[in-house]
Amino acid sequence: MKISIIVPVYNVENVLRYCVDSILNQTFRDFELILIDDGSTDKSGEICDKYALNNSNIVVEHIENQGVSKARNTGIELAKGEYICFIDSDDYVDKEFIKEMASKAEEGFDFVITAYHWTKDYNNSTIKNVIYKDDEIYSVVDKNNLMELSNLVLLSQPWNKMFKRDILIDNSIRMPEDISLGEDTVFVYRYLSCIINDSFCVINKPLYFYFSNNANSLLNKYREDLFDTNVSLNKYLSKEVKKWNLSDYNNQLFFNSCYYRMENVLFNTFRKENNLSNKERINYNSEVIKSYEFQYWVKKSSININPIFKIAYRIKSFYPIYLLQKLKRVN
């Protein structure tokens, strides 16, 4: 069984070797490594070419810079393996990463997830291990466990998973290239819609090393378009989740996650990169709170919302929340 490993590459000349070397050191040998150089302006593309010269199972494709979704989609088109894995170019994997997931795919699972290390450097300095169940090595799960996995941040990303290539191709599942945040979650959810009535496997061994550089994360930067982006993302995901016929409990967990995205818009407004005055920020957030989309997810949520937030949502003004946050900073 051949596996295709897709790595989108962009300006990672100083750390790319950690990723590629960890893949070349896999105990499972029947794989192709597809490196997609997404228009790098440093020496990343040259490094990819050098690896390909010395390894016949490496394919390199150089494309114009169009973002990670286009790079991953290019990899899907080139892939020849029965199953596909994605690895980010600033991450790295355990030597058993492919072997463990491939063994579960051979047992008949069309979707395999592995736990992962959240690390801050390349010396295995783990921030935390993200694991589904500590008391099981392998967990067979179904749609009734999906939102539990989502809450643990095991579901939304493509890089700790193995996908069946035929399912991706036959159902035209690709990374959406029209959104720049949450596109990988949309991809995973679309895939799940095709296998939602089947069981899949979670490997409770952290075999993937997710490198988190918080300063550069899109999740930690001010985004002027975050309201529109999260409104679109909630719509994308809701469309898929409606197909799944989840239990009331799992639906509620999903609704809560949609509310948290909307709440995050309010805090995004006060990131230091935003040049608006405090008055302008308060006015902007008040308009967000007044919006149909925000109020919709507040009503759908079952979260025990802070009483001050409840007042703000009821009177449709951000000012009470602003005062609360200001008092917290003083104390």
Protein backbone atom coordinates (compact mmCIF):
# COMPACT_ATOMS: atom_id res chain seq x y z
CA MET A 1 0.00 0.00 0.00
CA LYS A 2 1.59 3.25 -1.16
CA ILE A 3 1.20 6.47 0.84
CA SER A 4 1.51 9.98 -0.56
CA ILE A 5 2.88 12.56 1.87
CA ILE A 6 2.17 16.16 0.84
CA VAL A 7 4.24 19.00 2.30
CA PRO A 8 3.47 22.61 1.31
CA VAL A 9 6.70 24.63 1.54
CA TYR A 10 7.07 28.39 1.90
CA ASN A 11 10.11 30.27 3.24
CA VAL A 12 11.24 27.67 5.79
CA GLU A 13 14.89 27.31 4.76
CA ASN A 14 16.09 27.18 8.39
CA VAL A 15 13.79 24.40 9.57
CA LEU A 16 12.76 22.42 6.47
CA ARG A 17 15.37 19.74 7.15
CA TYR A 18 13.65 18.77 10.43
CA CYS A 19 10.48 18.01 8.52
CA VAL A 20 11.97 16.24 5.50
CA ASP A 21 14.53 14.23 7.47
CA SER A 22 11.83 12.96 9.84
CA ILE A 23 9.84 11.76 6.83
CA LEU A 24 12.82 10.08 5.19
CA ASN A 25 13.51 8.28 8.50
CA GLN A 26 10.10 6.56 8.50
CA THR A 27 10.10 2.83 9.24
CA PHE A 28 7.33 2.47 6.64
CA ARG A 29 9.09 2.73 3.30
CA ASP A 30 6.43 2.53 0.58
CA PHE A 31 5.71 6.24 0.27
CA GLU A 32 6.23 9.18 -2.02
CA LEU A 33 7.05 12.60 -0.64
CA ILE A 34 5.54 15.49 -2.59
CA LEU A 35 7.14 18.84 -1.81
CA ILE A 36 5.16 21.81 -3.14
CA ASP A 37 7.32 24.94 -3.18
CA ASP A 38 4.74 27.72 -2.95
CA GLY A 39 6.86 30.44 -4.55
CA SER A 40 9.41 30.65 -1.72
CA THR A 41 11.66 33.72 -1.82
CA ASP A 42 14.40 32.12 0.29
CA LYS A 43 16.35 28.91 -0.44
CA SER A 44 13.50 26.54 0.43
CA GLY A 45 12.92 25.62 -3.23
CA GLU A 46 16.61 24.84 -3.74
CA ILE A 47 16.63 22.66 -0.63
CA CYS A 48 13.66 20.72 -1.99
CA ASP A 49 15.47 20.13 -5.29
CA LYS A 50 18.59 18.87 -3.49
CA TYR A 51 16.55 16.36 -1.53
CA ALA A 52 14.91 15.15 -4.76
CA LEU A 53 18.30 14.62 -6.42
CA ASN A 54 19.27 12.15 -3.70
CA ASN A 55 15.91 10.45 -3.13
CA SER A 56 13.95 8.86 -5.97
CA ASN A 57 10.70 8.86 -3.96
CA ILE A 58 10.64 12.67 -3.68
CA VAL A 59 8.63 14.76 -6.14
CA VAL A 60 9.12 18.54 -6.19
CA GLU A 61 6.70 20.99 -7.78
CA HIS A 62 7.44 24.72 -7.91
CA ILE A 63 4.39 26.99 -8.20
CA GLU A 64 3.68 30.70 -7.89
CA ASN A 65 2.83 31.80 -4.38
CA GLN A 66 -0.92 31.28 -3.96
CA GLY A 67 -1.20 30.10 -0.38
CA VAL A 68 -1.19 26.83 1.50
CA SER A 69 -4.57 25.64 0.16
CA LYS A 70 -3.41 25.86 -3.47
CA ALA A 71 -0.17 24.09 -2.53
CA ARG A 72 -2.00 21.23 -0.82
CA ASN A 73 -4.46 20.94 -3.71
CA THR A 74 -1.56 20.75 -6.16
CA GLY A 75 -0.18 17.89 -4.08
CA ILE A 76 -3.49 16.04 -4.19
CA GLU A 77 -3.49 16.24 -8.00
CA LEU A 78 0.04 14.81 -8.15
CA ALA A 79 -0.48 12.08 -5.55
CA LYS A 80 -0.39 8.46 -6.66
CA GLY A 81 -0.74 6.75 -3.29
CA GLU A 82 -3.78 4.90 -2.03
CA TYR A 83 -3.79 7.14 1.04
CA ILE A 84 -2.71 10.74 1.57
CA CYS A 85 -1.11 12.47 4.55
CA PHE A 86 -0.33 16.16 4.98
CA ILE A 87 2.61 17.45 6.99
CA ASP A 88 3.40 21.13 7.48
CA SER A 89 6.94 22.13 6.55
CA ASP A 90 7.79 23.56 9.96
CA ASP A 91 6.58 20.43 11.78
CA TYR A 92 8.10 16.96 12.03
CA VAL A 93 6.96 13.41 12.76
CA ASP A 94 7.90 10.33 14.74
CA LYS A 95 9.56 7.53 12.75
CA GLU A 96 6.45 5.36 13.29
CA PHE A 97 4.01 8.04 12.08
CA ILE A 98 3.20 6.48 8.69
CA LYS A 99 3.56 2.86 9.82
CA GLU A 100 1.02 3.25 12.62
CA MET A 101 -1.58 4.99 10.48
CA ALA A 102 -1.03 2.71 7.48
CA SER A 103 -1.60 -0.36 9.65
CA LYS A 104 -5.02 0.98 10.66
CA ALA A 105 -5.85 1.89 7.05
CA GLU A 106 -5.04 -1.69 6.08
CA GLU A 107 -7.58 -2.84 8.67
CA GLY A 108 -10.24 -1.00 6.65
CA PHE A 109 -10.42 2.45 8.22
CA ASP A 110 -10.80 5.20 5.62
CA PHE A 111 -9.94 7.88 8.17
CA VAL A 112 -7.15 7.66 10.74
CA ILE A 113 -6.18 10.33 13.27
CA THR A 114 -3.12 10.41 15.50
CA ALA A 115 -2.49 12.32 18.71
CA TYR A 116 0.24 14.93 18.62
CA HIS A 117 2.85 16.83 20.58
CA TRP A 118 2.43 20.59 20.76
CA THR A 119 6.02 21.75 20.80
CA LYS A 120 7.77 25.13 20.95
CA ASP A 121 11.15 24.14 19.50
CA TYR A 122 12.97 21.33 17.71
CA ASN A 123 14.30 19.68 20.86
CA ASN A 124 11.02 17.94 21.71
CA SER A 125 10.17 20.58 24.34
CA THR A 126 6.50 19.71 24.56
CA ILE A 127 3.97 22.37 25.59
CA LYS A 128 1.33 19.66 25.87
CA ASN A 129 0.28 16.35 24.37
CA VAL A 130 -3.08 16.37 22.61
CA ILE A 131 -4.56 12.90 23.11
CA TYR A 132 -8.12 11.58 22.88
CA LYS A 133 -7.90 8.84 25.54
CA ASP A 134 -4.95 8.18 27.84
CA ASP A 135 -6.08 4.66 28.74
CA GLU A 136 -6.30 3.28 25.18
CA ILE A 137 -3.66 2.90 22.47
CA TYR A 138 -6.27 2.76 19.71
CA SER A 139 -9.83 4.08 19.85
CA VAL A 140 -12.51 3.13 17.33
CA VAL A 141 -14.89 6.07 17.12
CA ASP A 142 -17.86 7.21 15.07
CA LYS A 143 -19.92 10.34 14.50
CA ASN A 144 -21.05 10.38 18.12
CA ASN A 145 -17.47 11.21 19.18
CA LEU A 146 -16.76 13.85 16.55
CA MET A 147 -17.39 16.96 18.60
CA GLU A 148 -15.39 15.57 21.53
CA LEU A 149 -12.47 15.25 19.13
CA SER A 150 -13.14 18.75 17.87
CA ASN A 151 -13.08 20.20 21.38
CA LEU A 152 -9.68 18.56 21.93
CA VAL A 153 -8.36 20.20 18.72
CA LEU A 154 -7.84 16.81 17.11
CA LEU A 155 -10.33 17.18 14.27
CA SER A 156 -9.91 20.54 12.56
CA GLN A 157 -6.44 20.23 11.01
CA PRO A 158 -5.38 17.95 8.12
CA TRP A 159 -1.83 17.21 9.27
CA ASN A 160 -2.37 14.48 11.87
CA LYS A 161 -4.57 12.37 9.62
CA MET A 162 -4.63 9.82 6.82
CA PHE A 163 -7.20 10.22 4.05
CA LYS A 164 -8.19 7.74 1.34
CA ARG A 165 -7.24 9.26 -2.00
CA ASP A 166 -10.17 7.78 -3.95
CA ILE A 167 -12.66 9.45 -1.61
CA LEU A 168 -10.97 12.82 -2.15
CA ILE A 169 -10.85 12.40 -5.94
CA ASP A 170 -14.30 10.85 -6.46
CA ASN A 171 -16.01 13.55 -4.38
CA SER A 172 -13.88 16.47 -5.62
CA ILE A 173 -12.80 17.33 -2.09
CA ARG A 174 -10.17 20.05 -2.06
CA MET A 175 -8.99 22.79 0.25
CA PRO A 176 -11.17 25.88 -0.38
CA GLU A 177 -8.91 28.57 -1.83
CA ASP A 178 -11.30 31.47 -1.23
CA ILE A 179 -10.83 31.59 2.56
CA SER A 180 -7.57 31.97 4.49
CA LEU A 181 -8.63 30.82 7.96
CA GLY A 182 -10.34 27.54 8.75
CA GLU A 183 -9.97 26.20 5.20
CA ASP A 184 -8.36 23.03 6.56
CA THR A 185 -11.35 22.46 8.87
CA VAL A 186 -13.74 22.78 5.93
CA PHE A 187 -11.65 20.19 4.05
CA VAL A 188 -11.80 17.71 6.96
CA TYR A 189 -15.55 18.22 7.42
CA ARG A 190 -16.24 17.67 3.73
CA TYR A 191 -14.29 14.43 3.90
CA LEU A 192 -16.21 13.37 7.00
CA SER A 193 -19.49 13.93 5.14
CA CYS A 194 -18.48 11.11 2.79
CA ILE A 195 -17.71 8.60 5.56
CA ILE A 196 -19.95 9.86 8.36
CA ASN A 197 -21.72 6.55 8.90
CA ASP A 198 -18.46 4.59 9.13
CA SER A 199 -16.18 4.10 12.09
CA PHE A 200 -12.68 5.51 12.08
CA CYS A 201 -9.60 5.14 14.23
CA VAL A 202 -7.77 7.44 16.64
CA ILE A 203 -4.21 6.49 17.58
CA ASN A 204 -3.57 7.71 21.10
CA LYS A 205 0.16 8.03 20.59
CA PRO A 206 1.57 11.51 19.90
CA LEU A 207 3.31 10.75 16.61
CA TYR A 208 3.18 14.25 15.13
CA PHE A 209 5.17 17.23 16.41
CA TYR A 210 3.22 20.42 15.86
CA PHE A 211 5.52 23.43 16.09
CA SER A 212 3.74 26.49 17.45
CA ASN A 213 5.37 29.87 16.94
CA ASN A 214 2.68 31.89 18.65
CA ALA A 215 4.01 35.23 17.48
CA ASN A 216 3.49 34.31 13.83
CA SER A 217 0.27 32.35 14.10
CA LEU A 218 -2.70 33.60 12.09
CA LEU A 219 -4.78 32.82 15.14
CA ASN A 220 -2.83 35.34 17.22
CA LYS A 221 -2.74 38.24 14.80
CA TYR A 222 -5.24 41.02 14.25
CA ARG A 223 -7.44 40.30 11.26
CA GLU A 224 -9.57 43.09 9.88
CA ASP A 225 -11.74 40.54 8.06
CA LEU A 226 -12.26 38.14 10.98
CA PHE A 227 -15.99 38.80 11.34
CA ASP A 228 -16.72 38.03 7.68
CA THR A 229 -14.28 35.09 7.73
CA ASN A 230 -15.86 33.47 10.78
CA VAL A 231 -19.39 34.07 9.51
CA SER A 232 -18.45 32.26 6.28
CA LEU A 233 -16.65 29.50 8.18
CA ASN A 234 -19.65 28.83 10.40
CA LYS A 235 -21.84 28.61 7.29
CA TYR A 236 -19.44 26.22 5.55
CA LEU A 237 -19.24 23.92 8.57
CA SER A 238 -22.96 24.09 9.38
CA LYS A 239 -23.75 22.93 5.86
CA GLU A 240 -21.68 19.78 6.41
CA VAL A 241 -22.79 19.10 9.99
CA LYS A 242 -26.46 19.19 8.95
CA LYS A 243 -25.76 16.12 6.78
CA TRP A 244 -24.43 14.10 9.69
CA ASN A 245 -27.60 13.60 11.77
CA LEU A 246 -25.72 14.04 15.01
CA SER A 247 -27.17 13.58 18.47
CA ASP A 248 -28.53 16.65 20.25
CA TYR A 249 -25.46 16.60 22.49
CA ASN A 250 -23.01 16.68 19.58
CA ASN A 251 -25.02 19.31 17.74
CA GLN A 252 -24.88 21.48 20.86
CA LEU A 253 -21.10 21.11 21.07
CA PHE A 254 -20.91 22.26 17.46
CA PHE A 255 -23.17 25.25 18.11
CA ASN A 256 -20.96 26.24 21.03
CA SER A 257 -17.85 26.15 18.83
CA CYS A 258 -19.59 28.48 16.36
CA TYR A 259 -20.36 30.89 19.18
CA TYR A 260 -16.73 30.90 20.30
CA ARG A 261 -15.66 31.93 16.78
CA MET A 262 -18.00 34.91 16.96
CA GLU A 263 -16.85 35.83 20.44
CA ASN A 264 -13.25 35.74 19.23
CA VAL A 265 -14.07 38.57 16.81
CA LEU A 266 -14.64 40.85 19.81
CA PHE A 267 -11.21 40.15 21.29
CA ASN A 268 -9.54 40.31 17.89
CA THR A 269 -10.61 43.98 17.65
CA PHE A 270 -8.42 44.84 20.63
CA ARG A 271 -5.20 43.27 19.37
CA LYS A 272 -2.35 45.76 19.32
CA GLU A 273 -2.00 45.70 15.52
CA ASN A 274 -5.41 47.34 15.16
CA ASN A 275 -4.92 51.10 14.67
CA LEU A 276 -8.45 52.10 15.67
CA SER A 277 -9.00 54.18 18.80
CA ASN A 278 -10.70 52.52 21.79
CA LYS A 279 -13.89 54.42 21.00
CA GLU A 280 -13.83 53.14 17.42
CA ARG A 281 -13.13 49.60 18.63
CA ILE A 282 -16.06 49.71 21.04
CA ASN A 283 -18.36 51.01 18.30
CA TYR A 284 -17.18 48.34 15.88
CA ASN A 285 -17.73 45.54 18.39
CA SER A 286 -21.15 46.91 19.22
CA GLU A 287 -22.08 46.61 15.53
CA VAL A 288 -20.77 43.03 15.57
CA ILE A 289 -22.94 42.21 18.58
CA LYS A 290 -25.98 43.74 16.85
CA SER A 291 -25.48 41.58 13.77
CA TYR A 292 -27.91 38.77 12.96
CA GLU A 293 -25.06 36.25 12.75
CA PHE A 294 -23.70 37.07 16.19
CA GLN A 295 -27.10 37.01 17.87
CA TYR A 296 -27.96 33.74 16.10
CA TRP A 297 -25.02 31.87 17.60
CA VAL A 298 -25.52 33.43 21.02
CA LYS A 299 -29.05 31.99 21.04
CA LYS A 300 -27.85 28.61 19.77
CA SER A 301 -25.13 28.36 22.41
CA SER A 302 -25.56 26.50 25.70
CA ILE A 303 -22.39 27.96 27.20
CA ASN A 304 -22.57 29.50 30.66
CA ILE A 305 -21.77 33.00 29.43
CA ASN A 306 -20.34 35.59 31.82
CA PRO A 307 -23.25 37.72 33.22
CA ILE A 308 -21.60 40.95 32.01
CA PHE A 309 -21.34 39.48 28.51
CA LYS A 310 -25.03 38.54 28.70
CA ILE A 311 -25.94 42.12 29.53
CA ALA A 312 -23.80 43.38 26.64
CA TYR A 313 -25.47 40.96 24.24
CA ARG A 314 -28.93 41.90 25.46
CA ILE A 315 -28.43 45.67 25.14
CA LYS A 316 -26.31 45.11 22.03
CA SER A 317 -23.39 47.18 23.23
CA PHE A 318 -19.78 46.15 23.79
CA TYR A 319 -19.22 48.83 26.45
CA PRO A 320 -19.98 46.60 29.51
CA ILE A 321 -17.43 44.04 28.28
CA TYR A 322 -14.89 46.80 27.72
CA LEU A 323 -15.32 48.02 31.32
CA LEU A 324 -15.01 44.45 32.63
CA GLN A 325 -11.75 43.86 30.73
CA LYS A 326 -10.40 47.23 31.91
CA LEU A 327 -11.12 46.35 35.56
CA LYS A 328 -9.35 42.99 35.12
CA ARG A 329 -6.23 44.75 33.83
CA VAL A 330 -6.23 47.16 36.79
CA ASN A 331 -6.52 44.30 39.28
